[in-house]
Amino acid sequence: RLCAEAIKEHGSLNTDGKSSVSYGVLFDKTANTLEALNGTLRAAKRQKKVIAFDGELLMMPRDKDVQVVLLEA
């Protein structure tokens, strides 16, 4: 839930009307709150289908521009 709130707070609406934020921004804004950001993102993508992003595992700084999209409002 914290991850979804962070995407809404720090992101913007994409062309599909869904909240989206770059991984770099999400990483910077949640570093102190979500210590296990990658684990949270992977679980939300695989098990809960709450978010979407290209790839399996996002890493800084390589993936800082990859968009993390919130699929549910």
N, C-alpha and C. Protein backbone atom coordinates (compact mmCIF):
# COMPACT_ATOMS: atom_id res chain seq x y z
N ARG A 1 0.81 -1.20 0.00
CA ARG A 1 0.00 0.00 0.00
C ARG A 1 0.85 1.26 0.00
N LEU A 2 1.95 1.23 0.76
CA LEU A 2 2.86 2.38 0.77
C LEU A 2 3.45 2.64 -0.60
N CYS A 3 3.74 1.58 -1.31
CA CYS A 3 4.31 1.71 -2.65
C CYS A 3 3.31 2.39 -3.58
N ALA A 4 2.07 1.97 -3.55
CA ALA A 4 1.03 2.57 -4.39
C ALA A 4 0.85 4.05 -4.05
N GLU A 5 0.86 4.37 -2.77
CA GLU A 5 0.72 5.77 -2.35
C GLU A 5 1.90 6.60 -2.84
N ALA A 6 3.10 6.04 -2.79
CA ALA A 6 4.29 6.75 -3.24
C ALA A 6 4.24 7.00 -4.75
N ILE A 7 3.75 6.03 -5.51
CA ILE A 7 3.63 6.21 -6.97
C ILE A 7 2.64 7.33 -7.26
N LYS A 8 1.53 7.36 -6.56
CA LYS A 8 0.53 8.42 -6.77
C LYS A 8 1.10 9.78 -6.38
N GLU A 9 1.78 9.82 -5.24
CA GLU A 9 2.28 11.09 -4.71
C GLU A 9 3.40 11.69 -5.56
N HIS A 10 4.32 10.87 -6.02
CA HIS A 10 5.51 11.37 -6.71
C HIS A 10 5.45 11.23 -8.23
N GLY A 11 4.41 10.58 -8.73
CA GLY A 11 4.29 10.37 -10.17
C GLY A 11 3.28 11.30 -10.80
N SER A 12 2.91 10.97 -12.01
CA SER A 12 1.89 11.72 -12.74
C SER A 12 1.10 10.74 -13.58
N LEU A 13 0.00 11.21 -14.16
CA LEU A 13 -0.82 10.33 -14.99
C LEU A 13 -0.18 10.15 -16.36
N ASN A 14 -0.13 8.90 -16.82
CA ASN A 14 0.42 8.64 -18.15
C ASN A 14 -0.69 8.76 -19.19
N THR A 15 -0.41 8.42 -20.43
CA THR A 15 -1.40 8.56 -21.50
C THR A 15 -2.59 7.64 -21.33
N ASP A 16 -2.45 6.58 -20.54
CA ASP A 16 -3.56 5.66 -20.25
C ASP A 16 -4.36 6.10 -19.03
N GLY A 17 -3.97 7.22 -18.42
CA GLY A 17 -4.67 7.71 -17.24
C GLY A 17 -4.27 7.00 -15.96
N LYS A 18 -3.14 6.30 -15.98
CA LYS A 18 -2.66 5.57 -14.81
C LYS A 18 -1.48 6.32 -14.20
N SER A 19 -1.35 6.25 -12.88
CA SER A 19 -0.22 6.89 -12.21
C SER A 19 1.07 6.18 -12.58
N SER A 20 2.10 6.97 -12.88
CA SER A 20 3.38 6.43 -13.31
C SER A 20 4.50 7.30 -12.76
N VAL A 21 5.60 6.67 -12.37
CA VAL A 21 6.76 7.40 -11.86
C VAL A 21 8.01 6.65 -12.29
N SER A 22 9.10 7.38 -12.53
CA SER A 22 10.34 6.70 -12.88
C SER A 22 10.90 6.00 -11.65
N TYR A 23 11.60 4.90 -11.88
CA TYR A 23 12.19 4.15 -10.77
C TYR A 23 13.17 5.02 -9.99
N GLY A 24 13.91 5.88 -10.68
CA GLY A 24 14.86 6.76 -10.00
C GLY A 24 14.19 7.67 -9.00
N VAL A 25 13.08 8.29 -9.38
CA VAL A 25 12.34 9.16 -8.47
C VAL A 25 11.76 8.34 -7.32
N LEU A 26 11.15 7.21 -7.64
CA LEU A 26 10.57 6.36 -6.61
C LEU A 26 11.64 5.91 -5.62
N PHE A 27 12.79 5.52 -6.12
CA PHE A 27 13.91 5.09 -5.28
C PHE A 27 14.34 6.22 -4.35
N ASP A 28 14.54 7.41 -4.91
CA ASP A 28 14.99 8.55 -4.11
C ASP A 28 13.97 8.95 -3.05
N LYS A 29 12.70 8.97 -3.41
CA LYS A 29 11.66 9.45 -2.50
C LYS A 29 11.29 8.44 -1.41
N THR A 30 11.56 7.15 -1.65
CA THR A 30 11.14 6.14 -0.67
C THR A 30 12.31 5.43 0.00
N ALA A 31 13.53 5.90 -0.22
CA ALA A 31 14.72 5.22 0.32
C ALA A 31 14.64 5.02 1.83
N ASN A 32 14.12 5.99 2.55
CA ASN A 32 14.04 5.88 4.01
C ASN A 32 12.80 5.14 4.47
N THR A 33 11.78 5.07 3.64
CA THR A 33 10.51 4.45 4.02
C THR A 33 10.44 2.99 3.61
N LEU A 34 10.77 2.71 2.38
CA LEU A 34 10.69 1.34 1.85
C LEU A 34 12.09 0.79 1.64
N GLU A 35 12.68 0.26 2.71
CA GLU A 35 14.05 -0.24 2.63
C GLU A 35 14.19 -1.35 1.61
N ALA A 36 13.19 -2.19 1.48
CA ALA A 36 13.23 -3.31 0.55
C ALA A 36 12.38 -3.00 -0.68
N LEU A 37 12.66 -1.87 -1.33
CA LEU A 37 11.85 -1.42 -2.46
C LEU A 37 11.77 -2.46 -3.56
N ASN A 38 12.89 -3.07 -3.92
CA ASN A 38 12.87 -4.05 -5.00
C ASN A 38 12.00 -5.25 -4.67
N GLY A 39 12.07 -5.74 -3.45
CA GLY A 39 11.22 -6.86 -3.04
C GLY A 39 9.75 -6.49 -3.08
N THR A 40 9.45 -5.27 -2.64
CA THR A 40 8.08 -4.78 -2.66
C THR A 40 7.57 -4.67 -4.09
N LEU A 41 8.39 -4.13 -4.98
CA LEU A 41 7.98 -3.97 -6.38
C LEU A 41 7.78 -5.33 -7.05
N ARG A 42 8.69 -6.26 -6.81
CA ARG A 42 8.57 -7.59 -7.43
C ARG A 42 7.31 -8.30 -6.97
N ALA A 43 7.01 -8.23 -5.67
CA ALA A 43 5.81 -8.88 -5.15
C ALA A 43 4.56 -8.22 -5.71
N ALA A 44 4.55 -6.90 -5.79
CA ALA A 44 3.39 -6.18 -6.31
C ALA A 44 3.17 -6.48 -7.79
N LYS A 45 4.25 -6.72 -8.51
CA LYS A 45 4.13 -7.03 -9.94
C LYS A 45 3.72 -8.48 -10.16
N ARG A 46 4.40 -9.40 -9.51
CA ARG A 46 4.19 -10.84 -9.76
C ARG A 46 2.93 -11.40 -9.11
N GLN A 47 2.78 -11.17 -7.83
CA GLN A 47 1.71 -11.82 -7.08
C GLN A 47 0.41 -11.04 -7.09
N LYS A 48 0.52 -9.75 -6.94
CA LYS A 48 -0.69 -8.95 -6.77
C LYS A 48 -1.13 -8.25 -8.04
N LYS A 49 -0.24 -8.17 -9.03
CA LYS A 49 -0.55 -7.51 -10.31
C LYS A 49 -1.06 -6.08 -10.10
N VAL A 50 -0.42 -5.37 -9.16
CA VAL A 50 -0.81 -4.01 -8.82
C VAL A 50 -0.01 -2.99 -9.62
N ILE A 51 1.21 -3.36 -9.98
CA ILE A 51 2.07 -2.45 -10.74
C ILE A 51 2.64 -3.18 -11.96
N ALA A 52 3.19 -2.38 -12.87
CA ALA A 52 3.85 -2.94 -14.05
C ALA A 52 5.12 -2.14 -14.32
N PHE A 53 6.16 -2.83 -14.78
CA PHE A 53 7.38 -2.19 -15.24
C PHE A 53 8.11 -3.18 -16.13
N ASP A 54 8.94 -2.66 -17.02
CA ASP A 54 9.72 -3.51 -17.91
C ASP A 54 10.86 -4.16 -17.13
N GLY A 55 11.04 -5.45 -17.33
CA GLY A 55 12.12 -6.17 -16.67
C GLY A 55 11.64 -6.92 -15.44
N GLU A 56 12.57 -7.63 -14.83
CA GLU A 56 12.26 -8.42 -13.63
C GLU A 56 12.72 -7.73 -12.37
N LEU A 57 13.91 -7.12 -12.43
CA LEU A 57 14.52 -6.52 -11.26
C LEU A 57 15.09 -5.17 -11.65
N LEU A 58 14.70 -4.13 -10.95
CA LEU A 58 15.18 -2.79 -11.26
C LEU A 58 16.38 -2.46 -10.38
N MET A 59 17.39 -1.87 -11.00
CA MET A 59 18.62 -1.52 -10.28
C MET A 59 19.00 -0.07 -10.58
N MET A 60 19.47 0.61 -9.55
CA MET A 60 19.99 1.96 -9.72
C MET A 60 21.48 1.85 -10.02
N PRO A 61 22.05 2.69 -10.85
CA PRO A 61 21.42 3.74 -11.64
C PRO A 61 20.93 3.27 -13.00
N ARG A 62 21.20 2.02 -13.34
CA ARG A 62 20.87 1.50 -14.68
C ARG A 62 19.41 1.75 -15.07
N ASP A 63 18.47 1.51 -14.17
CA ASP A 63 17.04 1.55 -14.50
C ASP A 63 16.34 2.80 -13.98
N LYS A 64 17.09 3.87 -13.73
CA LYS A 64 16.49 5.05 -13.11
C LYS A 64 15.36 5.66 -13.95
N ASP A 65 15.36 5.44 -15.26
CA ASP A 65 14.33 6.03 -16.13
C ASP A 65 13.18 5.08 -16.46
N VAL A 66 13.23 3.85 -15.97
CA VAL A 66 12.15 2.88 -16.22
C VAL A 66 10.90 3.34 -15.47
N GLN A 67 9.77 3.35 -16.17
CA GLN A 67 8.52 3.77 -15.56
C GLN A 67 7.88 2.63 -14.76
N VAL A 68 7.46 2.95 -13.54
CA VAL A 68 6.72 2.03 -12.68
C VAL A 68 5.28 2.52 -12.70
N VAL A 69 4.35 1.69 -13.20
CA VAL A 69 2.97 2.10 -13.43
C VAL A 69 2.05 1.41 -12.44
N LEU A 70 1.21 2.19 -11.78
CA LEU A 70 0.21 1.68 -10.87
C LEU A 70 -1.00 1.24 -11.69
N LEU A 71 -1.36 -0.04 -11.64
CA LEU A 71 -2.44 -0.56 -12.47
C LEU A 71 -3.82 -0.36 -11.85
N GLU A 72 -3.88 -0.25 -10.53
CA GLU A 72 -5.15 -0.04 -9.84
C GLU A 72 -5.16 1.34 -9.22
N ALA A 73 -6.32 1.93 -9.16
CA ALA A 73 -6.44 3.28 -8.57
C ALA A 73 -6.36 3.26 -7.08
